[in-house]
């Protein structure tokens, strides 16, 4: 299925920096993270906790879909999504190299 360029432009994709990440009691596949998306800090649910420890996420420059409709997951209101390549169910986080600051638009 194809989308138009106008539909693509509706996506708010930004550079984010993971400031904090922590396990969620009773959950083995997800964790909670605080991500700076440029002048705003968002709480997000992040998959892949069976592959990555929370401390491995802190400081990463990631790619975030910032205008995803918020959803309550495991008692946390997640407002966005980290983008990843999926290889046999394991996420490989899309990251940013260089000096692009948090909040930089991805296009």
N, C-alpha and C. Protein backbone atom coordinates (compact mmCIF):
# COMPACT_ATOMS: atom_id res chain seq x y z
N UNK A 1 0.84 -1.17 0.00
CA UNK A 1 0.00 0.00 0.00
C UNK A 1 0.90 1.24 0.00
N UNK A 2 0.58 2.17 -0.83
CA UNK A 2 1.32 3.42 -0.92
C UNK A 2 0.57 4.53 -0.20
N UNK A 3 1.34 5.50 0.29
CA UNK A 3 0.73 6.70 0.85
C UNK A 3 1.24 7.89 0.05
N UNK A 4 0.48 8.95 0.09
CA UNK A 4 0.91 10.15 -0.62
C UNK A 4 1.95 10.91 0.21
N UNK A 5 2.65 11.80 -0.45
CA UNK A 5 3.61 12.64 0.26
C UNK A 5 2.90 13.50 1.30
N UNK A 6 1.70 13.96 0.98
CA UNK A 6 0.93 14.75 1.96
C UNK A 6 0.62 13.93 3.21
N UNK A 7 0.33 12.64 3.05
CA UNK A 7 0.10 11.79 4.22
C UNK A 7 1.38 11.63 5.02
N UNK A 8 2.50 11.43 4.33
CA UNK A 8 3.79 11.30 5.02
C UNK A 8 4.11 12.55 5.82
N UNK A 9 3.83 13.72 5.27
CA UNK A 9 4.13 14.99 5.96
C UNK A 9 3.35 15.13 7.27
N UNK A 10 2.28 14.39 7.43
CA UNK A 10 1.51 14.45 8.68
C UNK A 10 2.24 13.79 9.84
N UNK A 11 3.22 12.93 9.54
CA UNK A 11 3.98 12.27 10.59
C UNK A 11 4.97 13.25 11.19
N UNK A 12 4.98 13.33 12.51
CA UNK A 12 5.93 14.18 13.23
C UNK A 12 7.03 13.27 13.76
N UNK A 13 8.09 13.12 12.96
CA UNK A 13 9.20 12.25 13.31
C UNK A 13 10.36 13.14 13.73
N UNK A 14 10.89 12.89 14.94
CA UNK A 14 11.93 13.75 15.50
C UNK A 14 13.05 12.94 16.12
N UNK A 15 14.17 13.61 16.30
CA UNK A 15 15.27 13.06 17.09
C UNK A 15 14.87 13.19 18.56
N UNK A 16 15.09 12.13 19.30
CA UNK A 16 14.85 12.15 20.74
C UNK A 16 16.08 11.64 21.47
N UNK A 17 16.23 12.05 22.71
CA UNK A 17 17.32 11.56 23.55
C UNK A 17 16.70 10.91 24.77
N UNK A 18 17.06 9.65 25.01
CA UNK A 18 16.54 8.94 26.18
C UNK A 18 17.25 9.47 27.42
N UNK A 19 16.47 10.10 28.31
CA UNK A 19 17.02 10.67 29.53
C UNK A 19 17.02 9.68 30.69
N UNK A 20 16.00 8.83 30.72
CA UNK A 20 15.83 7.89 31.82
C UNK A 20 15.06 6.69 31.29
N UNK A 21 15.38 5.51 31.80
CA UNK A 21 14.63 4.31 31.45
C UNK A 21 14.58 3.42 32.69
N UNK A 22 13.47 2.73 32.86
CA UNK A 22 13.33 1.86 34.02
C UNK A 22 12.41 0.69 33.70
N UNK A 23 12.65 -0.40 34.41
CA UNK A 23 11.81 -1.58 34.28
C UNK A 23 10.42 -1.28 34.82
N UNK A 24 9.46 -2.07 34.39
CA UNK A 24 8.09 -1.99 34.90
C UNK A 24 7.81 -3.30 35.63
N UNK A 25 7.42 -3.21 36.89
CA UNK A 25 7.17 -4.40 37.70
C UNK A 25 6.18 -5.33 37.00
N UNK A 26 6.57 -6.59 36.90
CA UNK A 26 5.70 -7.60 36.31
C UNK A 26 5.71 -7.64 34.79
N UNK A 27 6.51 -6.81 34.15
CA UNK A 27 6.58 -6.78 32.68
C UNK A 27 8.00 -7.12 32.24
N UNK A 28 8.12 -8.10 31.36
CA UNK A 28 9.45 -8.52 30.92
C UNK A 28 9.80 -8.05 29.51
N UNK A 29 8.81 -7.57 28.75
CA UNK A 29 9.06 -7.19 27.37
C UNK A 29 9.02 -5.70 27.11
N UNK A 30 8.59 -4.92 28.10
CA UNK A 30 8.52 -3.47 27.93
C UNK A 30 9.16 -2.76 29.11
N UNK A 31 9.56 -1.52 28.87
CA UNK A 31 10.09 -0.65 29.93
C UNK A 31 9.53 0.75 29.72
N UNK A 32 9.72 1.57 30.71
CA UNK A 32 9.27 2.96 30.64
C UNK A 32 10.49 3.84 30.41
N UNK A 33 10.33 4.86 29.56
CA UNK A 33 11.44 5.77 29.30
C UNK A 33 10.93 7.21 29.28
N UNK A 34 11.80 8.13 29.67
CA UNK A 34 11.57 9.56 29.53
C UNK A 34 12.48 10.00 28.39
N UNK A 35 11.87 10.60 27.36
CA UNK A 35 12.61 10.97 26.15
C UNK A 35 12.43 12.46 25.89
N UNK A 36 13.54 13.15 25.71
CA UNK A 36 13.54 14.57 25.33
C UNK A 36 13.34 14.63 23.82
N UNK A 37 12.23 15.26 23.38
CA UNK A 37 11.98 15.38 21.95
C UNK A 37 12.09 16.84 21.50
N UNK A 38 12.87 17.61 22.25
CA UNK A 38 13.11 19.01 21.89
C UNK A 38 12.17 19.93 22.63
N UNK A 39 12.58 20.39 23.77
CA UNK A 39 11.76 21.31 24.56
C UNK A 39 10.60 20.64 25.27
N UNK A 40 10.50 19.34 25.15
CA UNK A 40 9.42 18.59 25.79
C UNK A 40 9.95 17.21 26.16
N UNK A 41 9.62 16.78 27.35
CA UNK A 41 9.99 15.44 27.80
C UNK A 41 8.75 14.57 27.81
N UNK A 42 8.82 13.43 27.15
CA UNK A 42 7.68 12.53 27.04
C UNK A 42 7.97 11.21 27.72
N UNK A 43 6.93 10.66 28.34
CA UNK A 43 7.00 9.32 28.90
C UNK A 43 6.50 8.36 27.83
N UNK A 44 7.32 7.36 27.52
CA UNK A 44 7.00 6.40 26.48
C UNK A 44 7.18 4.98 26.99
N UNK A 45 6.38 4.09 26.47
CA UNK A 45 6.62 2.66 26.67
C UNK A 45 7.52 2.21 25.53
N UNK A 46 8.55 1.46 25.88
CA UNK A 46 9.54 1.00 24.91
C UNK A 46 9.58 -0.53 24.96
N UNK A 47 9.44 -1.16 23.82
CA UNK A 47 9.55 -2.61 23.74
C UNK A 47 11.01 -3.05 23.78
N UNK A 48 11.20 -4.34 23.78
CA UNK A 48 12.55 -4.89 23.71
C UNK A 48 13.24 -5.05 25.05
N UNK A 49 12.50 -4.98 26.15
CA UNK A 49 13.13 -5.10 27.47
C UNK A 49 13.76 -6.47 27.70
N UNK A 50 13.34 -7.46 26.91
CA UNK A 50 13.98 -8.78 27.05
C UNK A 50 15.35 -8.80 26.38
N UNK A 51 15.66 -7.78 25.59
CA UNK A 51 16.94 -7.69 24.88
C UNK A 51 17.85 -6.58 25.41
N UNK A 52 17.26 -5.52 25.96
CA UNK A 52 18.02 -4.35 26.39
C UNK A 52 17.71 -4.03 27.84
N UNK A 53 18.75 -3.71 28.61
CA UNK A 53 18.57 -3.25 29.98
C UNK A 53 18.25 -1.75 29.94
N UNK A 54 17.48 -1.25 30.90
CA UNK A 54 17.16 0.18 30.90
C UNK A 54 18.40 1.07 30.79
N UNK A 55 19.46 0.73 31.50
CA UNK A 55 20.66 1.58 31.48
C UNK A 55 21.32 1.61 30.10
N UNK A 56 21.07 0.62 29.25
CA UNK A 56 21.61 0.62 27.89
C UNK A 56 20.88 1.61 26.99
N UNK A 57 19.70 2.02 27.38
CA UNK A 57 18.91 2.95 26.58
C UNK A 57 19.26 4.41 26.87
N UNK A 58 19.68 4.70 28.10
CA UNK A 58 19.94 6.07 28.52
C UNK A 58 21.06 6.68 27.69
N UNK A 59 20.78 7.88 27.18
CA UNK A 59 21.75 8.62 26.39
C UNK A 59 21.65 8.38 24.89
N UNK A 60 20.88 7.39 24.48
CA UNK A 60 20.75 7.11 23.04
C UNK A 60 19.99 8.22 22.33
N UNK A 61 20.47 8.58 21.15
CA UNK A 61 19.74 9.47 20.26
C UNK A 61 18.91 8.58 19.35
N UNK A 62 17.61 8.64 19.53
CA UNK A 62 16.69 7.74 18.85
C UNK A 62 15.78 8.52 17.91
N UNK A 63 15.04 7.79 17.09
CA UNK A 63 14.06 8.39 16.19
C UNK A 63 12.69 8.09 16.78
N UNK A 64 11.89 9.17 16.96
CA UNK A 64 10.61 9.07 17.66
C UNK A 64 9.48 9.54 16.76
N UNK A 65 8.41 8.75 16.71
CA UNK A 65 7.17 9.21 16.09
C UNK A 65 6.43 9.95 17.20
N UNK A 66 6.42 11.28 17.10
CA UNK A 66 5.94 12.12 18.21
C UNK A 66 4.44 12.39 18.18
N UNK A 67 3.78 12.21 17.04
CA UNK A 67 2.35 12.52 17.02
C UNK A 67 1.47 11.27 16.95
N UNK A 68 1.97 10.17 17.48
CA UNK A 68 1.17 8.97 17.62
C UNK A 68 0.15 9.21 18.73
N UNK A 69 -1.07 8.77 18.51
CA UNK A 69 -2.12 8.95 19.51
C UNK A 69 -1.68 8.31 20.84
N UNK A 70 -1.80 9.03 21.96
CA UNK A 70 -1.40 8.47 23.26
C UNK A 70 -2.21 7.22 23.60
N UNK A 71 -1.55 6.31 24.33
CA UNK A 71 -2.20 5.06 24.71
C UNK A 71 -1.72 4.67 26.10
N UNK A 72 -2.63 4.17 26.92
CA UNK A 72 -2.27 3.67 28.25
C UNK A 72 -1.81 2.23 28.12
N UNK A 73 -0.57 1.99 28.55
CA UNK A 73 0.02 0.66 28.50
C UNK A 73 0.66 0.40 29.86
N UNK A 74 0.27 -0.68 30.49
CA UNK A 74 0.85 -1.07 31.79
C UNK A 74 0.78 0.08 32.81
N UNK A 75 -0.31 0.84 32.77
CA UNK A 75 -0.49 1.93 33.71
C UNK A 75 0.28 3.19 33.39
N UNK A 76 0.88 3.23 32.22
CA UNK A 76 1.68 4.39 31.79
C UNK A 76 1.01 4.97 30.54
N UNK A 77 0.87 6.29 30.50
CA UNK A 77 0.35 6.95 29.31
C UNK A 77 1.52 7.20 28.37
N UNK A 78 1.61 6.37 27.34
CA UNK A 78 2.70 6.45 26.38
C UNK A 78 2.29 7.40 25.27
N UNK A 79 3.14 8.41 25.03
CA UNK A 79 2.80 9.45 24.05
C UNK A 79 3.89 9.54 22.99
N UNK A 80 3.94 8.52 22.13
CA UNK A 80 4.92 8.47 21.07
C UNK A 80 5.46 7.06 20.94
N UNK A 81 6.37 6.88 19.98
CA UNK A 81 6.94 5.56 19.74
C UNK A 81 8.37 5.70 19.22
N UNK A 82 9.28 4.93 19.81
CA UNK A 82 10.61 4.83 19.27
C UNK A 82 10.54 3.94 18.03
N UNK A 83 11.21 4.35 16.96
CA UNK A 83 11.20 3.56 15.74
C UNK A 83 12.38 2.60 15.72
N UNK A 84 12.13 1.41 15.19
CA UNK A 84 13.16 0.37 15.19
C UNK A 84 13.01 -0.51 13.97
N UNK A 85 14.12 -1.11 13.57
CA UNK A 85 14.07 -2.21 12.61
C UNK A 85 13.73 -3.46 13.42
N UNK A 86 12.92 -4.32 12.87
CA UNK A 86 12.49 -5.54 13.55
C UNK A 86 13.16 -6.73 12.87
N UNK A 87 13.99 -7.45 13.61
CA UNK A 87 14.65 -8.64 13.08
C UNK A 87 14.27 -9.81 13.97
N UNK A 88 13.39 -10.63 13.46
CA UNK A 88 12.90 -11.80 14.21
C UNK A 88 12.37 -11.42 15.58
N UNK A 89 11.67 -10.29 15.65
CA UNK A 89 11.06 -9.84 16.90
C UNK A 89 11.94 -8.98 17.77
N UNK A 90 13.22 -8.87 17.46
CA UNK A 90 14.13 -8.03 18.26
C UNK A 90 14.20 -6.65 17.62
N UNK A 91 13.97 -5.59 18.42
CA UNK A 91 14.09 -4.24 17.87
C UNK A 91 15.55 -3.79 17.81
N UNK A 92 15.90 -3.16 16.69
CA UNK A 92 17.18 -2.49 16.55
C UNK A 92 16.84 -1.02 16.36
N UNK A 93 17.07 -0.24 17.41
CA UNK A 93 16.61 1.15 17.45
C UNK A 93 17.24 1.98 16.36
N UNK A 94 16.42 2.76 15.67
CA UNK A 94 16.93 3.72 14.70
C UNK A 94 17.55 4.85 15.50
N UNK A 95 18.81 5.11 15.25
CA UNK A 95 19.54 6.12 16.02
C UNK A 95 20.07 7.19 15.07
N UNK A 96 20.55 8.27 15.67
CA UNK A 96 21.05 9.40 14.91
C UNK A 96 22.52 9.59 15.24
N UNK A 97 23.32 9.72 14.20
CA UNK A 97 24.74 9.94 14.35
C UNK A 97 25.01 11.43 14.29
N UNK A 98 25.98 11.90 15.01
CA UNK A 98 26.37 13.30 14.91
C UNK A 98 25.69 14.18 15.92
N UNK A 99 25.60 15.47 15.56
CA UNK A 99 25.18 16.49 16.52
C UNK A 99 23.75 16.95 16.38
N UNK A 100 22.88 16.19 15.73
CA UNK A 100 21.48 16.62 15.60
C UNK A 100 20.87 16.69 16.99
N UNK A 101 20.38 17.86 17.41
CA UNK A 101 19.83 17.99 18.76
C UNK A 101 18.45 17.37 18.87
N UNK A 102 18.05 17.08 20.11
CA UNK A 102 16.71 16.58 20.38
C UNK A 102 15.69 17.55 19.78
N UNK A 103 14.69 16.99 19.14
CA UNK A 103 13.64 17.79 18.53
C UNK A 103 13.85 18.03 17.04
N UNK A 104 15.05 17.72 16.53
CA UNK A 104 15.29 17.90 15.09
C UNK A 104 14.31 17.05 14.31
N UNK A 105 13.72 17.64 13.27
CA UNK A 105 12.75 16.94 12.43
C UNK A 105 13.45 15.93 11.53
N UNK A 106 12.82 14.78 11.36
CA UNK A 106 13.28 13.77 10.44
C UNK A 106 12.38 13.84 9.22
N UNK A 107 12.99 13.93 8.07
CA UNK A 107 12.18 14.02 6.84
C UNK A 107 12.80 13.25 5.72
